Amino acid sequence: MQPPVRSIDARAFWADPYPTLAAMRAETPVVRVPELGGAILLTKRADIHREEKRVEVFSSRQPNGLMTRLMGENLMRRDGEAHLSERRALFPALSPRTVREVWLPLFQARTAAILDALAPQGQADLVRDYAMPVSAEALKLITGLTNMAAPEMDRVSQGMIDGCANYGGDAGVEARCHDCTASIDRHIDAAMPGLMAAPDHSALSVMHEAGLGMDRLRANVKLIISGGQNEPRDAIAGAAWAVLTHPEVREAATTGALGWDAVFAEYARWMSPIGMSPREVARLDAVNGVEVRPGERVFLMFGSGNRDEDAFSDPDHFDPWRDGSAAIPFGAGPHFCAGAAASKALIAEVALPMLFERLPGLRLAGDAPFGGWAFRGPLRVPVAWGP
């Protein structure tokens, strides 16, 4: 059976994909969407969890895909030993031990400095004024691009994300993406002499020490930036908004009755900052009787799987006390997010607890609209604090 075809309102899907995804899960769980470049969407959690691991069918290699064309062939676009070898080269920068012993104290120091500057102001946009610099300062350390300003880190990340989701072929979006990747290359060129002279735990340094060539370093650092800036930024601001709109969660988290790790885990399930991962069909196969053919593009819809009624009770409800073990916010197969440990430490051990500790009386001061489906987060979160 060929995949059923279902049209969507692209603007409405960007504004809030969840009603459409719920209808797909119920009626057409494996479905082709013309407005998303004709991609086939897998929307059920069980299907995503199973098929993501079948890389011989659903290949990460996409020589003509947007990410490869715009950013280079990074480790996320490789399978098997080619993927594992580059993942091993990067591991020393992102291992749980490195995160705990090297990055966590630096995350805390950088975040404290941001809060010191912010506290006297009494009001802010949590996205722009807090989550963005917190995420960017952490990413500067991890990548080794300490020569890049935080706003530029945010800009180039957004430019690449927009480029990789540019399935409509907007020429302006593509041009901005090229400008952003060129900026990253310039910063890499400027940083490398210092890192070669004094190696450290950064991604650039450990990959160079492992013998990866400059093309591999460039492609993988661009991947780290595209996945390591906007998603933590959006999760920090979005999870803070979720806590501020659920008084019972705020009371429990700020008194220690509920761990901030549970708050972050549930937010990542509920709002899925990374909502999708693309694959390319490598051979003729089928998913639940629906045929997929070589060369077809498939989207693993993590955001849909994380709200699957068959896996979670009342999935549209934010509930940090639930059993969220079935959630797949970081993926489930060999491409499980390499930066998961760093992301959890930054958000759950630093950004969220320090925010609520250091800004007493923190409260919302306006609407907080959300947007996106491939990557989703708040566009702004206006807040005030103090008496």
Protein backbone atom coordinates (compact mmCIF):
# COMPACT_ATOMS: atom_id res chain seq x y z
CA MET A 1 0.00 0.00 0.00
CA GLN A 2 1.27 3.45 -0.93
CA PRO A 3 1.40 6.09 1.86
CA PRO A 4 -1.84 8.02 2.15
CA VAL A 5 -1.50 11.70 1.28
CA ARG A 6 -2.57 14.38 3.73
CA SER A 7 -2.28 18.12 3.15
CA ILE A 8 -1.60 20.51 5.99
CA ASP A 9 -1.85 24.23 6.57
CA ALA A 10 1.88 24.97 6.83
CA ARG A 11 1.41 28.18 8.83
CA ALA A 12 -0.93 26.55 11.32
CA PHE A 13 1.38 23.55 11.59
CA TRP A 14 4.27 25.86 12.46
CA ALA A 15 2.18 27.70 15.04
CA ASP A 16 0.90 24.50 16.70
CA PRO A 17 1.56 21.11 15.12
CA TYR A 18 -0.01 19.03 17.88
CA PRO A 19 -3.67 18.95 16.75
CA THR A 20 -2.62 17.92 13.24
CA LEU A 21 -0.19 15.32 14.58
CA ALA A 22 -2.88 13.88 16.84
CA ALA A 23 -5.19 13.48 13.85
CA MET A 24 -2.42 11.81 11.88
CA ARG A 25 -1.72 9.35 14.69
CA ALA A 26 -5.37 8.44 14.84
CA GLU A 27 -6.15 8.29 11.11
CA THR A 28 -2.95 8.12 9.02
CA PRO A 29 0.03 7.29 11.26
CA VAL A 30 2.32 6.80 8.24
CA VAL A 31 1.50 9.61 5.84
CA ARG A 32 2.91 11.66 2.98
CA VAL A 33 2.66 15.45 3.32
CA PRO A 34 3.04 17.49 0.09
CA GLU A 35 3.71 20.74 1.97
CA LEU A 36 6.78 19.18 3.65
CA GLY A 37 8.54 18.37 0.39
CA GLY A 38 6.51 15.20 -0.07
CA ALA A 39 8.14 13.59 2.97
CA ILE A 40 6.60 10.56 4.65
CA LEU A 41 5.93 11.19 8.34
CA LEU A 42 6.10 8.48 11.01
CA THR A 43 3.95 9.75 13.86
CA LYS A 44 3.55 6.84 16.31
CA ARG A 45 6.07 6.44 19.12
CA ALA A 46 6.44 2.67 18.63
CA ASP A 47 7.10 3.06 14.90
CA ILE A 48 9.67 5.82 15.43
CA HIS A 49 11.45 3.90 18.19
CA ARG A 50 11.64 0.77 16.04
CA GLU A 51 12.43 2.24 12.64
CA GLU A 52 15.08 4.70 13.83
CA LYS A 53 17.27 1.70 14.65
CA ARG A 54 16.85 0.11 11.21
CA VAL A 55 19.51 2.23 9.55
CA GLU A 56 19.82 -0.29 6.72
CA VAL A 57 16.37 0.89 5.60
CA PHE A 58 16.06 4.38 7.06
CA SER A 59 19.50 5.75 6.34
CA SER A 60 20.99 8.87 7.85
CA ARG A 61 23.10 9.33 4.72
CA GLN A 62 21.49 12.01 2.59
CA PRO A 63 24.03 13.29 0.05
CA ASN A 64 21.46 15.63 -1.47
CA GLY A 65 19.71 16.55 1.79
CA LEU A 66 19.53 20.12 3.00
CA MET A 67 21.82 19.58 5.98
CA THR A 68 24.55 17.93 3.91
CA ARG A 69 24.39 20.54 1.16
CA LEU A 70 24.38 23.49 3.53
CA MET A 71 26.59 22.32 6.41
CA GLY A 72 28.70 19.44 5.09
CA GLU A 73 28.41 15.73 5.80
CA ASN A 74 28.55 15.53 9.59
CA LEU A 75 28.40 12.46 11.83
CA MET A 76 24.61 12.71 12.01
CA ARG A 77 24.53 12.02 8.27
CA ARG A 78 26.61 8.84 8.55
CA ASP A 79 25.72 5.32 9.64
CA GLY A 80 27.59 2.27 10.88
CA GLU A 81 31.33 2.45 11.49
CA ALA A 82 31.65 5.81 9.72
CA HIS A 83 29.25 7.29 12.27
CA LEU A 84 30.74 5.48 15.26
CA SER A 85 34.32 6.47 14.47
CA GLU A 86 33.47 10.17 14.45
CA ARG A 87 31.27 9.80 17.52
CA ARG A 88 34.20 8.20 19.34
CA ALA A 89 36.45 11.08 18.29
CA LEU A 90 33.98 13.58 19.73
CA PHE A 91 33.14 11.63 22.90
CA PRO A 92 35.91 13.08 25.14
CA ALA A 93 34.31 16.53 24.78
CA LEU A 94 30.80 15.38 25.72
CA SER A 95 31.21 12.38 28.01
CA PRO A 96 29.28 12.46 31.30
CA ARG A 97 32.60 12.65 33.16
CA THR A 98 33.80 15.65 31.11
CA VAL A 99 30.44 17.35 31.61
CA ARG A 100 30.57 16.79 35.36
CA GLU A 101 34.23 17.63 35.97
CA VAL A 102 34.99 20.24 33.30
CA TRP A 103 31.88 21.90 31.91
CA LEU A 104 29.48 22.00 34.87
CA PRO A 105 31.57 24.39 37.03
CA LEU A 106 32.10 26.63 34.01
CA PHE A 107 28.37 26.55 33.17
CA GLN A 108 27.64 27.67 36.73
CA ALA A 109 30.16 30.52 36.62
CA ARG A 110 28.99 31.84 33.24
CA THR A 111 25.32 31.64 34.28
CA ALA A 112 26.01 33.42 37.57
CA ALA A 113 27.64 36.28 35.68
CA ILE A 114 24.64 36.57 33.36
CA LEU A 115 22.27 36.66 36.34
CA ASP A 116 24.44 39.23 38.14
CA ALA A 117 24.01 41.58 35.18
CA LEU A 118 20.32 40.80 34.76
CA ALA A 119 19.09 40.96 38.36
CA PRO A 120 19.09 44.78 38.80
CA GLN A 121 16.91 45.27 35.71
CA GLY A 122 13.73 43.85 37.23
CA GLN A 123 12.36 42.64 33.91
CA ALA A 124 13.50 40.75 30.83
CA ASP A 125 12.62 38.47 27.97
CA LEU A 126 13.79 35.05 29.15
CA VAL A 127 14.49 33.93 25.60
CA ARG A 128 16.65 36.85 24.49
CA ASP A 129 18.13 38.05 27.77
CA TYR A 130 18.71 34.83 29.72
CA ALA A 131 18.29 31.55 27.86
CA MET A 132 20.10 32.75 24.73
CA PRO A 133 23.33 33.89 26.44
CA VAL A 134 23.32 30.97 28.90
CA SER A 135 23.06 28.48 26.05
CA ALA A 136 25.57 30.36 23.88
CA GLU A 137 28.21 30.70 26.60
CA ALA A 138 27.99 26.96 27.28
CA LEU A 139 28.24 26.18 23.58
CA LYS A 140 31.26 28.45 23.13
CA LEU A 141 33.07 26.38 25.74
CA ILE A 142 32.02 23.01 24.33
CA THR A 143 32.85 23.82 20.70
CA GLY A 144 36.06 25.72 21.44
CA LEU A 145 34.75 28.82 19.68
CA THR A 146 35.29 31.11 22.63
CA ASN A 147 36.13 33.82 20.10
CA MET A 148 32.49 34.00 18.95
CA ALA A 149 30.12 36.43 20.65
CA ALA A 150 26.95 34.96 22.17
CA PRO A 151 24.55 36.82 19.82
CA GLU A 152 26.54 35.59 16.83
CA MET A 153 26.38 32.00 18.12
CA ASP A 154 22.61 32.38 18.35
CA ARG A 155 22.39 33.93 14.89
CA VAL A 156 24.40 31.28 13.10
CA SER A 157 22.53 28.48 14.84
CA GLN A 158 19.17 29.92 13.83
CA GLY A 159 20.38 30.48 10.29
CA MET A 160 21.42 26.85 9.93
CA ILE A 161 18.22 25.55 11.51
CA ASP A 162 16.14 27.68 9.15
CA GLY A 163 18.21 26.46 6.23
CA CYS A 164 17.82 22.79 7.16
CA ALA A 165 14.04 23.20 7.46
CA ASN A 166 13.78 25.19 4.20
CA TYR A 167 11.77 22.56 2.35
CA GLY A 168 9.96 25.29 0.46
CA GLY A 169 13.21 26.37 -1.20
CA ASP A 170 13.20 30.02 -0.08
CA ALA A 171 16.31 31.59 -1.68
CA GLY A 172 16.66 34.20 1.07
CA VAL A 173 16.68 31.55 3.80
CA GLU A 174 19.36 29.59 1.93
CA ALA A 175 21.51 32.71 1.45
CA ARG A 176 21.32 33.53 5.17
CA CYS A 177 22.33 29.96 5.98
CA HIS A 178 25.40 30.23 3.74
CA ASP A 179 26.34 33.49 5.45
CA CYS A 180 26.08 31.78 8.84
CA THR A 181 28.20 28.76 7.88
CA ALA A 182 30.83 31.11 6.45
CA SER A 183 30.95 32.94 9.79
CA ILE A 184 31.50 29.65 11.62
CA ASP A 185 34.34 28.74 9.26
CA ARG A 186 36.04 32.08 9.90
CA HIS A 187 35.78 31.61 13.66
CA ILE A 188 37.14 28.06 13.40
CA ASP A 189 40.11 29.27 11.36
CA ALA A 190 40.84 31.91 13.99
CA ALA A 191 40.48 29.51 16.94
CA MET A 192 42.45 26.52 15.66
CA PRO A 193 46.03 27.83 16.10
CA GLY A 194 45.44 28.40 19.82
CA LEU A 195 43.77 25.03 20.29
CA MET A 196 46.56 23.25 18.44
CA ALA A 197 49.13 24.93 20.67
CA ALA A 198 47.19 24.25 23.88
CA PRO A 199 44.72 21.34 23.47
CA ASP A 200 41.70 21.30 25.79
CA HIS A 201 38.41 19.40 26.20
CA SER A 202 36.54 21.29 23.48
CA ALA A 203 35.04 19.54 20.47
CA LEU A 204 37.40 21.23 18.03
CA SER A 205 40.39 20.22 20.10
CA VAL A 206 39.49 16.57 20.76
CA MET A 207 38.49 15.95 17.13
CA HIS A 208 41.75 17.47 15.93
CA GLU A 209 43.71 15.37 18.41
CA ALA A 210 41.84 12.28 17.12
CA GLY A 211 43.09 13.02 13.61
CA LEU A 212 39.90 14.19 11.92
CA GLY A 213 40.53 16.46 8.95
CA MET A 214 39.35 20.06 8.78
CA ASP A 215 36.34 19.21 6.62
CA ARG A 216 35.12 16.79 9.29
CA LEU A 217 35.82 19.29 12.08
CA ARG A 218 33.91 22.02 10.26
CA ALA A 219 30.89 19.84 9.50
CA ASN A 220 30.65 18.41 13.02
CA VAL A 221 31.06 21.76 14.77
CA LYS A 222 28.26 23.14 12.61
CA LEU A 223 26.14 20.18 13.68
CA ILE A 224 26.93 20.82 17.35
CA ILE A 225 25.97 24.48 16.97
CA SER A 226 22.75 23.74 15.12
CA GLY A 227 21.74 21.25 17.83
CA GLY A 228 23.36 22.88 20.83
CA GLN A 229 22.19 26.50 20.82
CA ASN A 230 18.53 26.88 19.91
CA GLU A 231 17.31 23.69 21.56
CA PRO A 232 18.80 24.38 25.04
CA ARG A 233 17.84 28.04 24.68
CA ASP A 234 14.26 27.12 23.88
CA ALA A 235 14.14 24.44 26.59
CA ILE A 236 15.44 26.81 29.27
CA ALA A 237 12.94 29.56 28.45
CA GLY A 238 10.11 27.13 27.69
CA ALA A 239 10.57 25.05 30.83
CA ALA A 240 10.71 28.23 32.93
CA TRP A 241 7.43 29.32 31.34
CA ALA A 242 5.91 25.90 32.09
CA VAL A 243 6.94 26.19 35.74
CA LEU A 244 5.58 29.74 35.96
CA THR A 245 2.22 28.62 34.55
CA HIS A 246 1.94 25.59 36.86
CA PRO A 247 2.12 26.85 40.48
CA GLU A 248 2.12 23.33 41.93
CA VAL A 249 5.21 22.47 39.90
CA ARG A 250 6.96 25.68 40.96
CA GLU A 251 6.26 24.99 44.62
CA ALA A 252 7.54 21.44 44.39
CA ALA A 253 10.65 22.28 42.34
CA THR A 254 11.76 25.30 44.36
CA THR A 255 11.33 23.49 47.70
CA GLY A 256 13.15 20.37 46.55
CA ALA A 257 10.11 18.09 46.59
CA LEU A 258 10.49 17.66 42.82
CA GLY A 259 13.79 17.48 40.98
CA TRP A 260 14.58 19.97 38.26
CA ASP A 261 15.68 16.98 36.18
CA ALA A 262 12.09 15.73 36.23
CA VAL A 263 10.84 19.18 35.19
CA PHE A 264 13.23 19.29 32.24
CA ALA A 265 12.52 15.69 31.19
CA GLU A 266 8.79 16.30 31.14
CA TYR A 267 9.13 19.59 29.28
CA ALA A 268 11.32 17.89 26.64
CA ARG A 269 8.62 15.25 26.20
CA TRP A 270 5.73 17.69 26.23
CA MET A 271 7.12 20.38 23.94
CA SER A 272 9.90 18.47 22.10
CA PRO A 273 12.45 21.20 21.27
CA ILE A 274 13.75 18.78 18.61
CA GLY A 275 10.53 17.73 16.93
CA MET A 276 11.82 15.77 13.94
CA SER A 277 14.78 13.95 12.42
CA PRO A 278 14.97 13.19 8.69
CA ARG A 279 15.99 9.91 7.07
CA GLU A 280 16.30 8.65 3.49
CA VAL A 281 14.93 5.25 2.45
CA ALA A 282 17.80 3.01 1.32
CA ARG A 283 15.81 0.01 0.10
CA LEU A 284 12.24 -1.03 -0.60
CA ASP A 285 10.46 -1.83 2.67
CA ALA A 286 7.25 -1.18 4.58
CA VAL A 287 6.07 0.29 7.86
CA ASN A 288 2.87 -1.32 9.12
CA GLY A 289 1.98 -2.31 5.56
CA VAL A 290 2.73 1.12 4.08
CA GLU A 291 5.39 0.93 1.40
CA VAL A 292 8.49 3.12 1.43
CA ARG A 293 10.74 3.29 -1.63
CA PRO A 294 14.45 3.99 -2.13
CA GLY A 295 15.24 7.70 -2.24
CA GLU A 296 12.10 8.80 -0.42
CA ARG A 297 12.47 11.21 2.49
CA VAL A 298 11.07 10.11 5.86
CA PHE A 299 10.59 12.29 8.94
CA LEU A 300 10.76 10.65 12.36
CA MET A 301 8.33 12.90 14.22
CA PHE A 302 9.68 12.87 17.78
CA GLY A 303 7.25 15.60 18.80
CA SER A 304 4.35 13.38 17.79
CA GLY A 305 5.78 10.23 19.38
CA ASN A 306 6.22 12.09 22.67
CA ARG A 307 2.49 12.81 22.74
CA ASP A 308 1.34 9.38 21.58
CA GLU A 309 -1.77 8.34 23.48
CA ASP A 310 -0.63 4.71 23.35
CA ALA A 311 2.53 5.58 25.28
CA PHE A 312 1.39 8.34 27.66
CA SER A 313 -1.81 9.02 29.54
CA ASP A 314 -3.18 12.53 29.02
CA PRO A 315 -0.15 13.35 26.83
CA ASP A 316 -1.08 16.99 26.21
CA HIS A 317 -0.82 17.72 29.94
CA PHE A 318 2.45 18.92 31.52
CA ASP A 319 3.03 16.51 34.42
CA PRO A 320 6.59 16.20 35.80
CA TRP A 321 5.43 13.46 38.18
CA ARG A 322 4.52 11.08 35.35
CA ASP A 323 6.57 8.07 34.26
CA GLY A 324 8.22 9.53 31.18
CA SER A 325 10.57 6.64 30.47
CA ALA A 326 8.97 6.06 27.07
CA ALA A 327 9.79 9.59 25.89
CA ILE A 328 12.26 10.02 23.01
CA PRO A 329 13.29 13.71 23.06
CA PHE A 330 16.92 12.84 22.26
CA GLY A 331 16.19 10.01 19.82
CA ALA A 332 16.37 6.30 20.47
CA GLY A 333 18.84 4.60 18.15
CA PRO A 334 22.53 4.85 17.24
CA HIS A 335 22.04 8.57 16.60
CA PHE A 336 20.92 9.29 20.17
CA CYS A 337 21.95 12.88 20.85
CA ALA A 338 25.66 12.98 21.73
CA GLY A 339 25.12 16.19 23.71
CA ALA A 340 22.34 14.87 25.95
CA ALA A 341 24.46 14.83 29.12
CA ALA A 342 25.65 18.40 28.56
CA SER A 343 22.13 19.59 27.80
CA LYS A 344 20.67 17.97 30.93
CA ALA A 345 23.41 19.41 33.12
CA LEU A 346 23.10 22.92 31.71
CA ILE A 347 19.32 23.06 31.95
CA ALA A 348 18.40 20.95 34.98
CA GLU A 349 21.45 21.58 37.20
CA VAL A 350 22.27 25.17 36.29
CA ALA A 351 19.90 27.33 34.24
CA LEU A 352 16.55 26.48 35.83
CA PRO A 353 17.48 26.25 39.53
CA MET A 354 19.73 29.31 39.40
CA LEU A 355 17.05 31.34 37.63
CA PHE A 356 14.46 30.73 40.34
CA GLU A 357 16.99 31.08 43.17
CA ARG A 358 18.50 34.34 41.98
CA LEU A 359 15.38 36.20 40.81
CA PRO A 360 12.88 36.14 43.71
CA GLY A 361 9.30 36.92 42.80
CA LEU A 362 9.83 35.81 39.19
CA ARG A 363 6.55 36.09 37.29
CA LEU A 364 5.22 36.32 33.76
CA ALA A 365 4.74 39.83 32.38
CA GLY A 366 2.99 39.11 29.08
CA ASP A 367 2.11 36.49 26.51
CA ALA A 368 4.62 33.80 25.53
CA PRO A 369 3.86 32.57 21.99
CA PHE A 370 5.47 29.37 20.71
CA GLY A 371 6.41 28.39 17.17
CA GLY A 372 7.98 25.63 15.10
CA TRP A 373 7.48 21.94 14.41
CA ALA A 374 10.93 20.62 13.38
CA PHE A 375 12.38 22.72 16.19
CA ARG A 376 9.91 24.19 18.67
CA GLY A 377 10.16 26.78 21.41
CA PRO A 378 8.89 30.10 22.77
CA LEU A 379 9.42 33.19 20.66
CA ARG A 380 9.52 35.32 23.80
CA VAL A 381 8.85 34.92 27.52
CA PRO A 382 8.47 38.34 29.14
CA VAL A 383 9.02 38.25 32.91
CA ALA A 384 9.47 40.54 35.88
CA TRP A 385 10.76 39.92 39.39
CA GLY A 386 11.13 41.60 42.75
CA PRO A 387 8.41 43.01 44.99
